[in-house]
Amino acid sequence: MERIARRDRQRTDLEPQMGARMAPVAPPLAQLTRMPGVEATAARAILAALSPEMRHCGSAARRASGAGVCPGPDERAGTRRSGRTRQGHRSLRRGLGPCAGAARQPPTVLGHTCRRLDGRRGGQQAAMAVAHNMLVMVYHLLREGTDSEEARDDRRQDRPEERQQQRAVKALERLGSRVTLERLA
């Protein structure tokens, strides 16, 4: 009990110092904690591993490759080879792993991606894909100051009625009919 009390006192003594040292990265830290599945501790770990200065890394794909969260499946001429991901940056993977698992439940882009891939690929590979997406989002957040993955996903997905309409038009055209569409009042 004394150890626990001493550790708590040490933690409370260090929190003001941590706050002072984290002041320059407070805006990116606040934006990272708004991402689904990312808490303050994980956001600090991710920022410490990446550094807020993103000019030196090149691209999001390079950063993901360096972290070891880029896609691993590999196939050539119909033969499947090892699909293991490389080890990469250990502390960054440790920071992203739990965040990717926590992002599974909320009704967000990351949660949808994880649930969609979970059935086909399995839980571990789905979590790795979500960790990759999270790292790309963090890269754009730190580099450009935007976290508009949600908006990009909304633009990519067609509305269901438009897709249904396009399918029906194509089916009628395959049967030899010419179709013109008019919107009813």
Protein backbone atom coordinates (compact mmCIF):
# COMPACT_ATOMS: atom_id res chain seq x y z
CA MET A 1 0.00 0.00 0.00
CA GLU A 2 2.89 2.33 0.73
CA ARG A 3 4.33 1.70 -2.73
CA ILE A 4 1.03 2.54 -4.36
CA ALA A 5 0.69 5.73 -2.32
CA ARG A 6 4.28 6.74 -3.12
CA ARG A 7 3.72 6.08 -6.82
CA ASP A 8 0.55 8.17 -6.79
CA ARG A 9 2.41 11.04 -5.10
CA GLN A 10 5.19 10.82 -7.69
CA ARG A 11 2.64 10.87 -10.47
CA THR A 12 0.90 13.95 -9.09
CA ASP A 13 4.29 15.67 -8.68
CA LEU A 14 5.24 14.92 -12.30
CA GLU A 15 1.94 15.94 -13.93
CA PRO A 16 2.66 19.73 -13.88
CA GLN A 17 6.07 19.11 -15.47
CA MET A 18 4.51 16.89 -18.12
CA GLY A 19 1.88 19.52 -18.81
CA ALA A 20 4.55 22.18 -19.28
CA ARG A 21 6.57 19.98 -21.65
CA MET A 22 3.50 18.95 -23.64
CA ALA A 23 2.28 22.56 -24.10
CA PRO A 24 3.86 22.98 -27.57
CA VAL A 25 2.05 19.90 -28.86
CA ALA A 26 -1.27 20.60 -27.15
CA PRO A 27 -3.26 21.32 -30.36
CA PRO A 28 -2.26 18.09 -32.15
CA LEU A 29 -2.72 16.20 -28.89
CA ALA A 30 -6.27 17.53 -28.57
CA GLN A 31 -7.03 16.55 -32.17
CA LEU A 32 -5.60 13.07 -31.65
CA THR A 33 -7.75 12.47 -28.59
CA ARG A 34 -10.84 13.26 -30.68
CA MET A 35 -10.13 10.26 -32.90
CA PRO A 36 -12.15 7.17 -32.00
CA GLY A 37 -10.25 4.79 -29.74
CA VAL A 38 -7.41 7.19 -28.87
CA GLU A 39 -7.08 8.30 -25.26
CA ALA A 40 -4.67 10.90 -23.87
CA THR A 41 -1.99 8.38 -22.88
CA ALA A 42 -2.03 6.69 -26.28
CA ALA A 43 -2.02 10.07 -28.04
CA ARG A 44 1.09 11.08 -26.09
CA ALA A 45 2.80 7.81 -27.01
CA ILE A 46 1.92 8.23 -30.69
CA LEU A 47 3.14 11.83 -30.72
CA ALA A 48 6.36 10.86 -28.95
CA ALA A 49 7.04 8.15 -31.52
CA LEU A 50 6.14 10.27 -34.56
CA SER A 51 7.17 13.76 -33.48
CA PRO A 52 4.84 16.55 -34.57
CA GLU A 53 7.36 17.66 -37.21
CA MET A 54 6.25 15.62 -40.23
CA ARG A 55 8.28 17.27 -43.00
CA HIS A 56 11.09 14.72 -42.80
CA CYS A 57 9.05 11.54 -43.32
CA GLY A 58 8.03 11.82 -46.95
CA SER A 59 4.53 10.37 -47.17
CA ALA A 60 1.92 8.54 -45.15
CA ALA A 61 2.83 5.28 -46.88
CA ARG A 62 6.46 5.65 -45.82
CA ARG A 63 5.45 6.39 -42.26
CA ALA A 64 3.18 3.32 -42.20
CA SER A 65 5.96 1.17 -43.60
CA GLY A 66 8.40 2.45 -40.99
CA ALA A 67 5.90 1.73 -38.25
CA GLY A 68 5.32 -1.78 -39.57
CA VAL A 69 1.57 -1.40 -40.04
CA CYS A 70 1.41 -1.52 -43.83
CA PRO A 71 -0.51 -4.37 -45.47
CA GLY A 72 1.21 -7.72 -45.34
CA PRO A 73 -0.58 -10.13 -47.73
CA ASP A 74 1.67 -11.06 -50.62
CA GLU A 75 0.83 -13.18 -53.65
CA ARG A 76 2.73 -13.73 -56.85
CA ALA A 77 1.69 -15.89 -59.80
CA GLY A 78 -1.09 -17.48 -57.75
CA THR A 79 1.29 -18.55 -54.97
CA ARG A 80 0.72 -17.04 -51.57
CA ARG A 81 3.85 -16.04 -49.74
CA SER A 82 4.26 -14.96 -46.15
CA GLY A 83 1.81 -12.21 -45.27
CA ARG A 84 3.53 -11.15 -42.08
CA THR A 85 4.06 -7.47 -41.49
CA ARG A 86 7.51 -6.31 -40.54
CA GLN A 87 8.40 -5.39 -36.98
CA GLY A 88 8.72 -1.66 -37.54
CA HIS A 89 8.77 1.00 -34.84
CA ARG A 90 8.01 -0.92 -31.67
CA SER A 91 6.63 1.87 -29.48
CA LEU A 92 4.46 3.21 -32.29
CA ARG A 93 2.94 -0.22 -32.92
CA ARG A 94 2.35 -0.61 -29.19
CA GLY A 95 0.57 2.74 -29.16
CA LEU A 96 -1.57 2.04 -32.22
CA GLY A 97 -2.55 -1.56 -31.41
CA PRO A 98 -4.90 -0.91 -28.47
CA CYS A 99 -6.31 2.16 -30.19
CA ALA A 100 -7.20 0.07 -33.23
CA GLY A 101 -8.92 -2.49 -31.01
CA ALA A 102 -10.86 0.23 -29.19
CA ALA A 103 -11.97 1.79 -32.48
CA ARG A 104 -13.88 -1.40 -33.42
CA GLN A 105 -17.15 -0.60 -31.65
CA PRO A 106 -18.06 3.04 -32.40
CA PRO A 107 -20.13 3.77 -35.53
CA THR A 108 -17.28 5.58 -37.32
CA VAL A 109 -15.23 4.97 -40.45
CA LEU A 110 -12.59 3.08 -38.49
CA GLY A 111 -15.16 0.94 -36.69
CA HIS A 112 -16.92 0.15 -39.94
CA THR A 113 -13.60 -0.81 -41.57
CA CYS A 114 -12.68 -3.09 -38.69
CA ARG A 115 -16.03 -4.85 -38.58
CA ARG A 116 -16.10 -5.23 -42.37
CA LEU A 117 -12.62 -6.78 -42.52
CA ASP A 118 -13.07 -8.89 -39.40
CA GLY A 119 -15.30 -11.41 -41.14
CA ARG A 120 -13.02 -11.90 -44.12
CA ARG A 121 -9.54 -11.52 -42.70
CA GLY A 122 -9.86 -12.17 -38.98
CA GLY A 123 -9.47 -9.96 -35.94
CA GLN A 124 -5.70 -9.45 -35.98
CA GLN A 125 -5.48 -8.45 -39.63
CA ALA A 126 -8.54 -6.21 -39.29
CA ALA A 127 -6.92 -4.48 -36.32
CA MET A 128 -3.71 -4.05 -38.31
CA ALA A 129 -5.66 -2.49 -41.20
CA VAL A 130 -7.37 -0.11 -38.78
CA ALA A 131 -4.00 0.76 -37.22
CA HIS A 132 -2.75 1.55 -40.73
CA ASN A 133 -5.76 3.80 -41.38
CA MET A 134 -5.27 5.50 -38.03
CA LEU A 135 -1.61 6.18 -38.77
CA VAL A 136 -2.51 7.68 -42.15
CA MET A 137 -5.10 9.88 -40.44
CA VAL A 138 -2.55 10.94 -37.81
CA TYR A 139 -0.04 11.73 -40.55
CA HIS A 140 -2.50 14.03 -42.34
CA LEU A 141 -3.58 15.53 -39.04
CA LEU A 142 -0.02 16.43 -38.07
CA ARG A 143 1.13 17.44 -41.54
CA GLU A 144 -1.87 19.44 -42.74
CA GLY A 145 -3.87 19.98 -39.58
CA THR A 146 -6.91 18.17 -40.98
CA ASP A 147 -8.59 14.98 -39.87
CA SER A 148 -11.20 14.83 -42.59
CA GLU A 149 -11.19 11.07 -43.14
CA GLU A 150 -14.88 11.03 -42.18
CA ALA A 151 -15.70 13.62 -44.86
CA ARG A 152 -13.62 11.79 -47.47
CA ASP A 153 -15.43 8.56 -46.68
CA ASP A 154 -18.81 10.26 -47.01
CA ARG A 155 -17.84 11.58 -50.45
CA ARG A 156 -16.58 8.17 -51.58
CA GLN A 157 -19.76 6.32 -50.71
CA ASP A 158 -22.65 6.84 -53.07
CA ARG A 159 -26.07 7.16 -51.62
CA PRO A 160 -27.94 3.84 -51.76
CA GLU A 161 -30.77 5.16 -53.93
CA GLU A 162 -28.31 6.48 -56.53
CA ARG A 163 -26.57 3.11 -56.70
CA GLN A 164 -29.87 1.30 -57.02
CA GLN A 165 -30.92 3.67 -59.77
CA GLN A 166 -27.66 3.15 -61.68
CA ARG A 167 -28.00 -0.63 -61.42
CA ALA A 168 -31.55 -0.52 -62.76
CA VAL A 169 -30.53 1.71 -65.70
CA LYS A 170 -27.65 -0.60 -66.60
CA ALA A 171 -29.89 -3.65 -66.40
CA LEU A 172 -32.42 -2.06 -68.75
CA GLU A 173 -29.66 -1.00 -71.16
CA ARG A 174 -28.34 -4.57 -71.25
CA LEU A 175 -31.82 -5.68 -72.28
CA GLY A 176 -31.74 -3.24 -75.19
CA SER A 177 -33.73 -0.28 -73.85
CA ARG A 178 -32.76 3.35 -73.87
CA VAL A 179 -33.45 4.97 -70.50
CA THR A 180 -33.89 8.64 -69.62
CA LEU A 181 -34.46 9.60 -66.04
CA GLU A 182 -36.64 12.43 -64.81
CA ARG A 183 -37.02 13.45 -61.21
CA LEU A 184 -40.62 13.42 -59.97
CA ALA A 185 -41.80 16.35 -57.87
